[in-house]
Amino acid sequence: MKKIFGISLIGMLAALPMVAAAEVVPGDPGSTAAGAAAANSAPKYALAEADSAVDSNVATAGYVKGAYNAAIKGINAVQNEIDSATTALNSANSALSAVQSSLTSNYATQSGVVNTVKAATTSGSFTGATVAGNFSSAAITGTVTGTASGTIPAMTTWGSSSVGTAPATAALSGTTISGSAAGSMTGTASGTTSGSVTVSGYSAS
């Protein structure tokens, strides 16, 4: 009986390396957990070096669990980084949306400016403006009422043929006059202005 038991134990020990090198069975790591442990630093971890003296030994369940946990912590660390990046991206998207909303609500659009200014009117006043210019061949017409005085050529000395001048006056009542004039003018002016403004478009720089 002891002999049979000894032979069986030797057989089991010989088969153990085969068990350790058994084919991996596909499976799911299990349910996820929000607070699962993660590696302190984002992975990359150094690889374990091959060692022919021990690599054929049987791995304990604790060793396998440790290797599994180390790998999962690395995966969790990467997931944390992804979550942080996602949070930052969502925050940036929210900020961008707020800016776009502000631009839409608070800033002028081309069509809004055009429609607003298109019907605008202007008005104002001015005083003390200087006026200067020249004129020629200006037509003069009108009527004159009053007394006109001047001189007329006349013989002023008896017995002399020299022509002199003598004063003369005339009463004018609604007398029509016409003529032309040329010259220059200067002066000042004051008044009011009014008008309208239209805008077909604008461009921003």
C-alpha atoms as a PDB file:
ATOM      1  CA  MET A   1       0.000   0.000   0.000  1.00  0.00           C
ATOM      2  CA  LYS A   2       2.775   2.387   0.859  1.00  0.00           C
ATOM      3  CA  LYS A   3       4.501   1.548  -2.404  1.00  0.00           C
ATOM      4  CA  ILE A   4       1.412   2.284  -4.488  1.00  0.00           C
ATOM      5  CA  PHE A   5       0.933   5.607  -2.693  1.00  0.00           C
ATOM      6  CA  GLY A   6       4.559   6.558  -3.321  1.00  0.00           C
ATOM      7  CA  ILE A   7       4.292   5.784  -6.998  1.00  0.00           C
ATOM      8  CA  SER A   8       1.110   7.844  -7.314  1.00  0.00           C
ATOM      9  CA  LEU A   9       2.710  10.828  -5.557  1.00  0.00           C
ATOM     10  CA  ILE A  10       5.671  10.701  -7.910  1.00  0.00           C
ATOM     11  CA  GLY A  11       3.277  10.654 -10.867  1.00  0.00           C
ATOM     12  CA  MET A  12       1.393  13.665  -9.574  1.00  0.00           C
ATOM     13  CA  LEU A  13       4.599  15.614  -9.027  1.00  0.00           C
ATOM     14  CA  ALA A  14       5.687  14.815 -12.583  1.00  0.00           C
ATOM     15  CA  ALA A  15       2.387  16.077 -13.984  1.00  0.00           C
ATOM     16  CA  LEU A  16       2.372  19.383 -12.025  1.00  0.00           C
ATOM     17  CA  PRO A  17       4.489  21.327 -14.587  1.00  0.00           C
ATOM     18  CA  MET A  18       1.935  20.316 -17.189  1.00  0.00           C
ATOM     19  CA  VAL A  19      -0.833  21.720 -15.002  1.00  0.00           C
ATOM     20  CA  ALA A  20       1.048  24.997 -14.550  1.00  0.00           C
ATOM     21  CA  ALA A  21       1.428  25.338 -18.304  1.00  0.00           C
ATOM     22  CA  ALA A  22      -2.214  24.507 -19.015  1.00  0.00           C
ATOM     23  CA  GLU A  23      -4.051  26.403 -21.737  1.00  0.00           C
ATOM     24  CA  VAL A  24      -5.619  29.718 -20.654  1.00  0.00           C
ATOM     25  CA  VAL A  25      -9.385  29.556 -20.312  1.00  0.00           C
ATOM     26  CA  PRO A  26     -11.263  32.631 -21.620  1.00  0.00           C
ATOM     27  CA  GLY A  27     -13.216  34.435 -18.951  1.00  0.00           C
ATOM     28  CA  ASP A  28     -14.501  37.730 -17.600  1.00  0.00           C
ATOM     29  CA  PRO A  29     -12.516  39.432 -14.787  1.00  0.00           C
ATOM     30  CA  GLY A  30     -15.787  40.020 -12.955  1.00  0.00           C
ATOM     31  CA  SER A  31     -18.015  42.957 -12.083  1.00  0.00           C
ATOM     32  CA  THR A  32     -16.593  46.479 -12.183  1.00  0.00           C
ATOM     33  CA  ALA A  33     -16.248  48.662  -9.091  1.00  0.00           C
ATOM     34  CA  ALA A  34     -16.036  52.463  -9.067  1.00  0.00           C
ATOM     35  CA  GLY A  35     -13.580  52.560  -6.168  1.00  0.00           C
ATOM     36  CA  ALA A  36     -11.353  49.702  -7.296  1.00  0.00           C
ATOM     37  CA  ALA A  37      -7.674  50.014  -6.474  1.00  0.00           C
ATOM     38  CA  ALA A  38      -5.406  51.453  -9.150  1.00  0.00           C
ATOM     39  CA  ALA A  39      -1.664  51.578  -9.595  1.00  0.00           C
ATOM     40  CA  ASN A  40       0.024  54.555  -7.918  1.00  0.00           C
ATOM     41  CA  SER A  41       1.709  55.460 -11.168  1.00  0.00           C
ATOM     42  CA  ALA A  42       0.441  55.050 -14.673  1.00  0.00           C
ATOM     43  CA  PRO A  43       1.899  51.826 -16.090  1.00  0.00           C
ATOM     44  CA  LYS A  44       4.609  50.930 -17.692  1.00  0.00           C
ATOM     45  CA  TYR A  45       5.991  48.215 -15.441  1.00  0.00           C
ATOM     46  CA  ALA A  46       9.208  46.342 -16.035  1.00  0.00           C
ATOM     47  CA  LEU A  47       8.790  42.859 -17.469  1.00  0.00           C
ATOM     48  CA  ALA A  48       9.775  39.806 -15.463  1.00  0.00           C
ATOM     49  CA  GLU A  49      12.901  38.220 -16.878  1.00  0.00           C
ATOM     50  CA  ALA A  50      12.862  34.574 -18.009  1.00  0.00           C
ATOM     51  CA  ASP A  51      14.582  32.200 -15.586  1.00  0.00           C
ATOM     52  CA  SER A  52      14.813  28.569 -16.733  1.00  0.00           C
ATOM     53  CA  ALA A  53      15.719  27.448 -13.241  1.00  0.00           C
ATOM     54  CA  VAL A  54      12.329  28.416 -11.794  1.00  0.00           C
ATOM     55  CA  ASP A  55      10.004  29.083 -14.724  1.00  0.00           C
ATOM     56  CA  SER A  56       8.969  25.423 -14.860  1.00  0.00           C
ATOM     57  CA  ASN A  57       7.820  25.493 -11.224  1.00  0.00           C
ATOM     58  CA  VAL A  58       4.167  25.462 -10.285  1.00  0.00           C
ATOM     59  CA  ALA A  59       2.698  28.910  -9.511  1.00  0.00           C
ATOM     60  CA  THR A  60       0.624  29.202  -6.357  1.00  0.00           C
ATOM     61  CA  ALA A  61      -2.868  30.678  -6.408  1.00  0.00           C
ATOM     62  CA  GLY A  62      -1.554  33.642  -4.396  1.00  0.00           C
ATOM     63  CA  TYR A  63       1.113  34.346  -7.015  1.00  0.00           C
ATOM     64  CA  VAL A  64      -1.442  34.192  -9.817  1.00  0.00           C
ATOM     65  CA  LYS A  65      -3.781  36.510  -7.906  1.00  0.00           C
ATOM     66  CA  GLY A  66      -0.929  38.929  -7.290  1.00  0.00           C
ATOM     67  CA  ALA A  67      -0.025  39.003 -10.984  1.00  0.00           C
ATOM     68  CA  TYR A  68      -3.690  39.450 -11.874  1.00  0.00           C
ATOM     69  CA  ASN A  69      -4.134  42.271  -9.356  1.00  0.00           C
ATOM     70  CA  ALA A  70      -1.016  44.055 -10.608  1.00  0.00           C
ATOM     71  CA  ALA A  71      -2.337  43.924 -14.165  1.00  0.00           C
ATOM     72  CA  ILE A  72      -5.803  45.086 -13.133  1.00  0.00           C
ATOM     73  CA  LYS A  73      -4.356  47.988 -11.094  1.00  0.00           C
ATOM     74  CA  GLY A  74      -2.502  49.099 -14.202  1.00  0.00           C
ATOM     75  CA  ILE A  75      -5.693  48.899 -16.242  1.00  0.00           C
ATOM     76  CA  ASN A  76      -7.535  50.850 -13.540  1.00  0.00           C
ATOM     77  CA  ALA A  77      -4.843  53.552 -13.578  1.00  0.00           C
ATOM     78  CA  VAL A  78      -5.271  53.924 -17.322  1.00  0.00           C
ATOM     79  CA  GLN A  79      -9.054  54.078 -16.895  1.00  0.00           C
ATOM     80  CA  ASN A  80      -8.657  56.820 -14.282  1.00  0.00           C
ATOM     81  CA  GLU A  81      -6.632  58.843 -16.764  1.00  0.00           C
ATOM     82  CA  ILE A  82      -9.319  58.287 -19.402  1.00  0.00           C
ATOM     83  CA  ASP A  83     -12.010  59.381 -16.944  1.00  0.00           C
ATOM     84  CA  SER A  84     -10.039  62.522 -16.060  1.00  0.00           C
ATOM     85  CA  ALA A  85      -9.523  63.336 -19.724  1.00  0.00           C
ATOM     86  CA  THR A  86     -13.229  62.779 -20.399  1.00  0.00           C
ATOM     87  CA  THR A  87     -14.176  65.086 -17.526  1.00  0.00           C
ATOM     88  CA  ALA A  88     -11.825  67.792 -18.799  1.00  0.00           C
ATOM     89  CA  LEU A  89     -13.189  67.408 -22.332  1.00  0.00           C
ATOM     90  CA  ASN A  90     -16.774  67.669 -21.116  1.00  0.00           C
ATOM     91  CA  SER A  91     -15.866  70.793 -19.144  1.00  0.00           C
ATOM     92  CA  ALA A  92     -14.211  72.324 -22.210  1.00  0.00           C
ATOM     93  CA  ASN A  93     -17.274  71.481 -24.306  1.00  0.00           C
ATOM     94  CA  SER A  94     -19.531  73.156 -21.741  1.00  0.00           C
ATOM     95  CA  ALA A  95     -17.334  76.263 -21.729  1.00  0.00           C
ATOM     96  CA  LEU A  96     -17.354  76.358 -25.524  1.00  0.00           C
ATOM     97  CA  SER A  97     -21.131  76.028 -25.583  1.00  0.00           C
ATOM     98  CA  ALA A  98     -21.405  78.926 -23.118  1.00  0.00           C
ATOM     99  CA  VAL A  99     -19.176  81.091 -25.320  1.00  0.00           C
ATOM    100  CA  GLN A 100     -21.199  80.203 -28.409  1.00  0.00           C
ATOM    101  CA  SER A 101     -24.416  81.032 -26.585  1.00  0.00           C
ATOM    102  CA  SER A 102     -22.964  84.359 -25.443  1.00  0.00           C
ATOM    103  CA  LEU A 103     -21.881  85.206 -28.965  1.00  0.00           C
ATOM    104  CA  THR A 104     -25.363  84.380 -30.252  1.00  0.00           C
ATOM    105  CA  SER A 105     -27.175  86.387 -27.557  1.00  0.00           C
ATOM    106  CA  ASN A 106     -24.905  89.348 -26.878  1.00  0.00           C
ATOM    107  CA  TYR A 107     -23.085  90.161 -30.087  1.00  0.00           C
ATOM    108  CA  ALA A 108     -24.391  91.811 -33.228  1.00  0.00           C
ATOM    109  CA  THR A 109     -24.961  89.887 -36.406  1.00  0.00           C
ATOM    110  CA  GLN A 110     -24.594  91.305 -39.881  1.00  0.00           C
ATOM    111  CA  SER A 111     -28.303  91.071 -40.659  1.00  0.00           C
ATOM    112  CA  GLY A 112     -29.187  92.656 -37.309  1.00  0.00           C
ATOM    113  CA  VAL A 113     -26.867  95.619 -37.836  1.00  0.00           C
ATOM    114  CA  VAL A 114     -28.020  96.127 -41.418  1.00  0.00           C
ATOM    115  CA  ASN A 115     -31.713  96.012 -40.507  1.00  0.00           C
ATOM    116  CA  THR A 116     -31.193  98.370 -37.565  1.00  0.00           C
ATOM    117  CA  VAL A 117     -29.126 100.988 -39.365  1.00  0.00           C
ATOM    118  CA  LYS A 118     -31.026 100.760 -42.644  1.00  0.00           C
ATOM    119  CA  ALA A 119     -33.858 102.959 -41.331  1.00  0.00           C
ATOM    120  CA  ALA A 120     -31.717 105.282 -39.185  1.00  0.00           C
ATOM    121  CA  THR A 121     -32.075 109.048 -39.574  1.00  0.00           C
ATOM    122  CA  THR A 122     -29.564 111.775 -38.806  1.00  0.00           C
ATOM    123  CA  SER A 123     -30.136 115.335 -37.631  1.00  0.00           C
ATOM    124  CA  GLY A 124     -27.954 118.114 -36.246  1.00  0.00           C
ATOM    125  CA  SER A 125     -27.160 121.798 -36.311  1.00  0.00           C
ATOM    126  CA  PHE A 126     -24.181 123.975 -37.120  1.00  0.00           C
ATOM    127  CA  THR A 127     -23.128 127.559 -36.372  1.00  0.00           C
ATOM    128  CA  GLY A 128     -20.180 129.720 -37.305  1.00  0.00           C
ATOM    129  CA  ALA A 129     -19.506 127.880 -40.536  1.00  0.00           C
ATOM    130  CA  THR A 130     -17.454 129.956 -42.980  1.00  0.00           C
ATOM    131  CA  VAL A 131     -18.701 130.506 -46.498  1.00  0.00           C
ATOM    132  CA  ALA A 132     -16.499 131.677 -49.351  1.00  0.00           C
ATOM    133  CA  GLY A 133     -16.830 131.574 -53.101  1.00  0.00           C
ATOM    134  CA  ASN A 134     -16.857 133.451 -56.405  1.00  0.00           C
ATOM    135  CA  PHE A 135     -19.669 134.305 -58.766  1.00  0.00           C
ATOM    136  CA  SER A 136     -19.930 135.718 -62.260  1.00  0.00           C
ATOM    137  CA  SER A 137     -22.719 136.691 -64.673  1.00  0.00           C
ATOM    138  CA  ALA A 138     -25.202 136.693 -61.819  1.00  0.00           C
ATOM    139  CA  ALA A 139     -28.538 138.062 -62.999  1.00  0.00           C
ATOM    140  CA  ILE A 140     -29.971 140.986 -61.018  1.00  0.00           C
ATOM    141  CA  THR A 141     -33.613 141.964 -61.282  1.00  0.00           C
ATOM    142  CA  GLY A 142     -35.924 143.926 -59.022  1.00  0.00           C
ATOM    143  CA  THR A 143     -37.816 147.115 -58.459  1.00  0.00           C
ATOM    144  CA  VAL A 144     -36.716 150.352 -56.810  1.00  0.00           C
ATOM    145  CA  THR A 145     -38.836 152.891 -54.982  1.00  0.00           C
ATOM    146  CA  GLY A 146     -37.321 156.118 -53.620  1.00  0.00           C
ATOM    147  CA  THR A 147     -35.201 159.006 -54.751  1.00  0.00           C
ATOM    148  CA  ALA A 148     -32.226 158.667 -57.061  1.00  0.00           C
ATOM    149  CA  SER A 149     -29.556 161.339 -57.245  1.00  0.00           C
ATOM    150  CA  GLY A 150     -26.505 161.827 -59.370  1.00  0.00           C
ATOM    151  CA  THR A 151     -25.004 164.128 -61.952  1.00  0.00           C
ATOM    152  CA  ILE A 152     -25.719 164.744 -65.597  1.00  0.00           C
ATOM    153  CA  PRO A 153     -23.530 166.385 -68.251  1.00  0.00           C
ATOM    154  CA  ALA A 154     -24.565 170.030 -68.798  1.00  0.00           C
ATOM    155  CA  MET A 155     -23.269 173.406 -69.957  1.00  0.00           C
ATOM    156  CA  THR A 156     -22.440 175.016 -66.658  1.00  0.00           C
ATOM    157  CA  THR A 157     -20.713 178.278 -67.840  1.00  0.00           C
ATOM    158  CA  TRP A 158     -22.446 180.845 -70.064  1.00  0.00           C
ATOM    159  CA  GLY A 159     -20.717 181.365 -73.335  1.00  0.00           C
ATOM    160  CA  SER A 160     -18.400 178.351 -72.855  1.00  0.00           C
ATOM    161  CA  SER A 161     -18.629 175.182 -74.916  1.00  0.00           C
ATOM    162  CA  SER A 162     -17.022 173.066 -72.148  1.00  0.00           C
ATOM    163  CA  VAL A 163     -19.309 170.404 -70.782  1.00  0.00           C
ATOM    164  CA  GLY A 164     -19.582 170.159 -67.035  1.00  0.00           C
ATOM    165  CA  THR A 165     -21.834 168.273 -64.673  1.00  0.00           C
ATOM    166  CA  ALA A 166     -24.916 169.337 -62.856  1.00  0.00           C
ATOM    167  CA  PRO A 167     -26.640 167.625 -59.962  1.00  0.00           C
ATOM    168  CA  ALA A 168     -29.903 165.894 -60.712  1.00  0.00           C
ATOM    169  CA  THR A 169     -32.513 164.028 -58.676  1.00  0.00           C
ATOM    170  CA  ALA A 170     -35.422 161.842 -59.675  1.00  0.00           C
ATOM    171  CA  ALA A 171     -38.285 160.232 -57.808  1.00  0.00           C
ATOM    172  CA  LEU A 172     -38.561 156.449 -58.377  1.00  0.00           C
ATOM    173  CA  SER A 173     -41.731 154.494 -57.694  1.00  0.00           C
ATOM    174  CA  GLY A 174     -41.661 150.767 -58.518  1.00  0.00           C
ATOM    175  CA  THR A 175     -39.033 151.275 -61.178  1.00  0.00           C
ATOM    176  CA  THR A 176     -37.804 148.007 -62.671  1.00  0.00           C
ATOM    177  CA  ILE A 177     -34.081 147.400 -62.830  1.00  0.00           C
ATOM    178  CA  SER A 178     -32.027 144.573 -64.364  1.00  0.00           C
ATOM    179  CA  GLY A 179     -28.382 143.815 -64.895  1.00  0.00           C
ATOM    180  CA  SER A 180     -25.623 141.380 -64.023  1.00  0.00           C
ATOM    181  CA  ALA A 181     -22.880 141.173 -61.437  1.00  0.00           C
ATOM    182  CA  ALA A 182     -19.650 139.300 -60.756  1.00  0.00           C
ATOM    183  CA  GLY A 183     -17.334 139.176 -57.774  1.00  0.00           C
ATOM    184  CA  SER A 184     -16.506 137.196 -54.644  1.00  0.00           C
ATOM    185  CA  MET A 185     -18.195 136.662 -51.308  1.00  0.00           C
ATOM    186  CA  THR A 186     -17.290 135.606 -47.792  1.00  0.00           C
ATOM    187  CA  GLY A 187     -19.357 135.231 -44.666  1.00  0.00           C
ATOM    188  CA  THR A 188     -20.667 132.831 -42.044  1.00  0.00           C
ATOM    189  CA  ALA A 189     -23.641 130.513 -41.974  1.00  0.00           C
ATOM    190  CA  SER A 190     -25.699 128.504 -39.488  1.00  0.00           C
ATOM    191  CA  GLY A 191     -28.560 126.074 -39.863  1.00  0.00           C
ATOM    192  CA  THR A 192     -29.695 122.465 -39.400  1.00  0.00           C
ATOM    193  CA  THR A 193     -29.077 119.207 -41.237  1.00  0.00           C
ATOM    194  CA  SER A 194     -31.167 116.086 -41.670  1.00  0.00           C
ATOM    195  CA  GLY A 195     -30.910 112.926 -43.716  1.00  0.00           C
ATOM    196  CA  SER A 196     -30.933 109.134 -43.632  1.00  0.00           C
ATOM    197  CA  VAL A 197     -28.319 106.370 -43.474  1.00  0.00           C
ATOM    198  CA  THR A 198     -28.392 103.027 -45.265  1.00  0.00           C
ATOM    199  CA  VAL A 199     -26.024 100.091 -44.824  1.00  0.00           C
ATOM    200  CA  SER A 200     -25.766  97.215 -47.280  1.00  0.00           C
ATOM    201  CA  GLY A 201     -23.307  95.126 -45.249  1.00  0.00           C
ATOM    202  CA  TYR A 202     -20.179  95.109 -43.155  1.00  0.00           C
ATOM    203  CA  SER A 203     -17.089  93.039 -42.553  1.00  0.00           C
ATOM    204  CA  ALA A 204     -15.257  92.486 -39.269  1.00  0.00           C
ATOM    205  CA  SER A 205     -11.496  92.536 -38.910  1.00  0.00           C
END
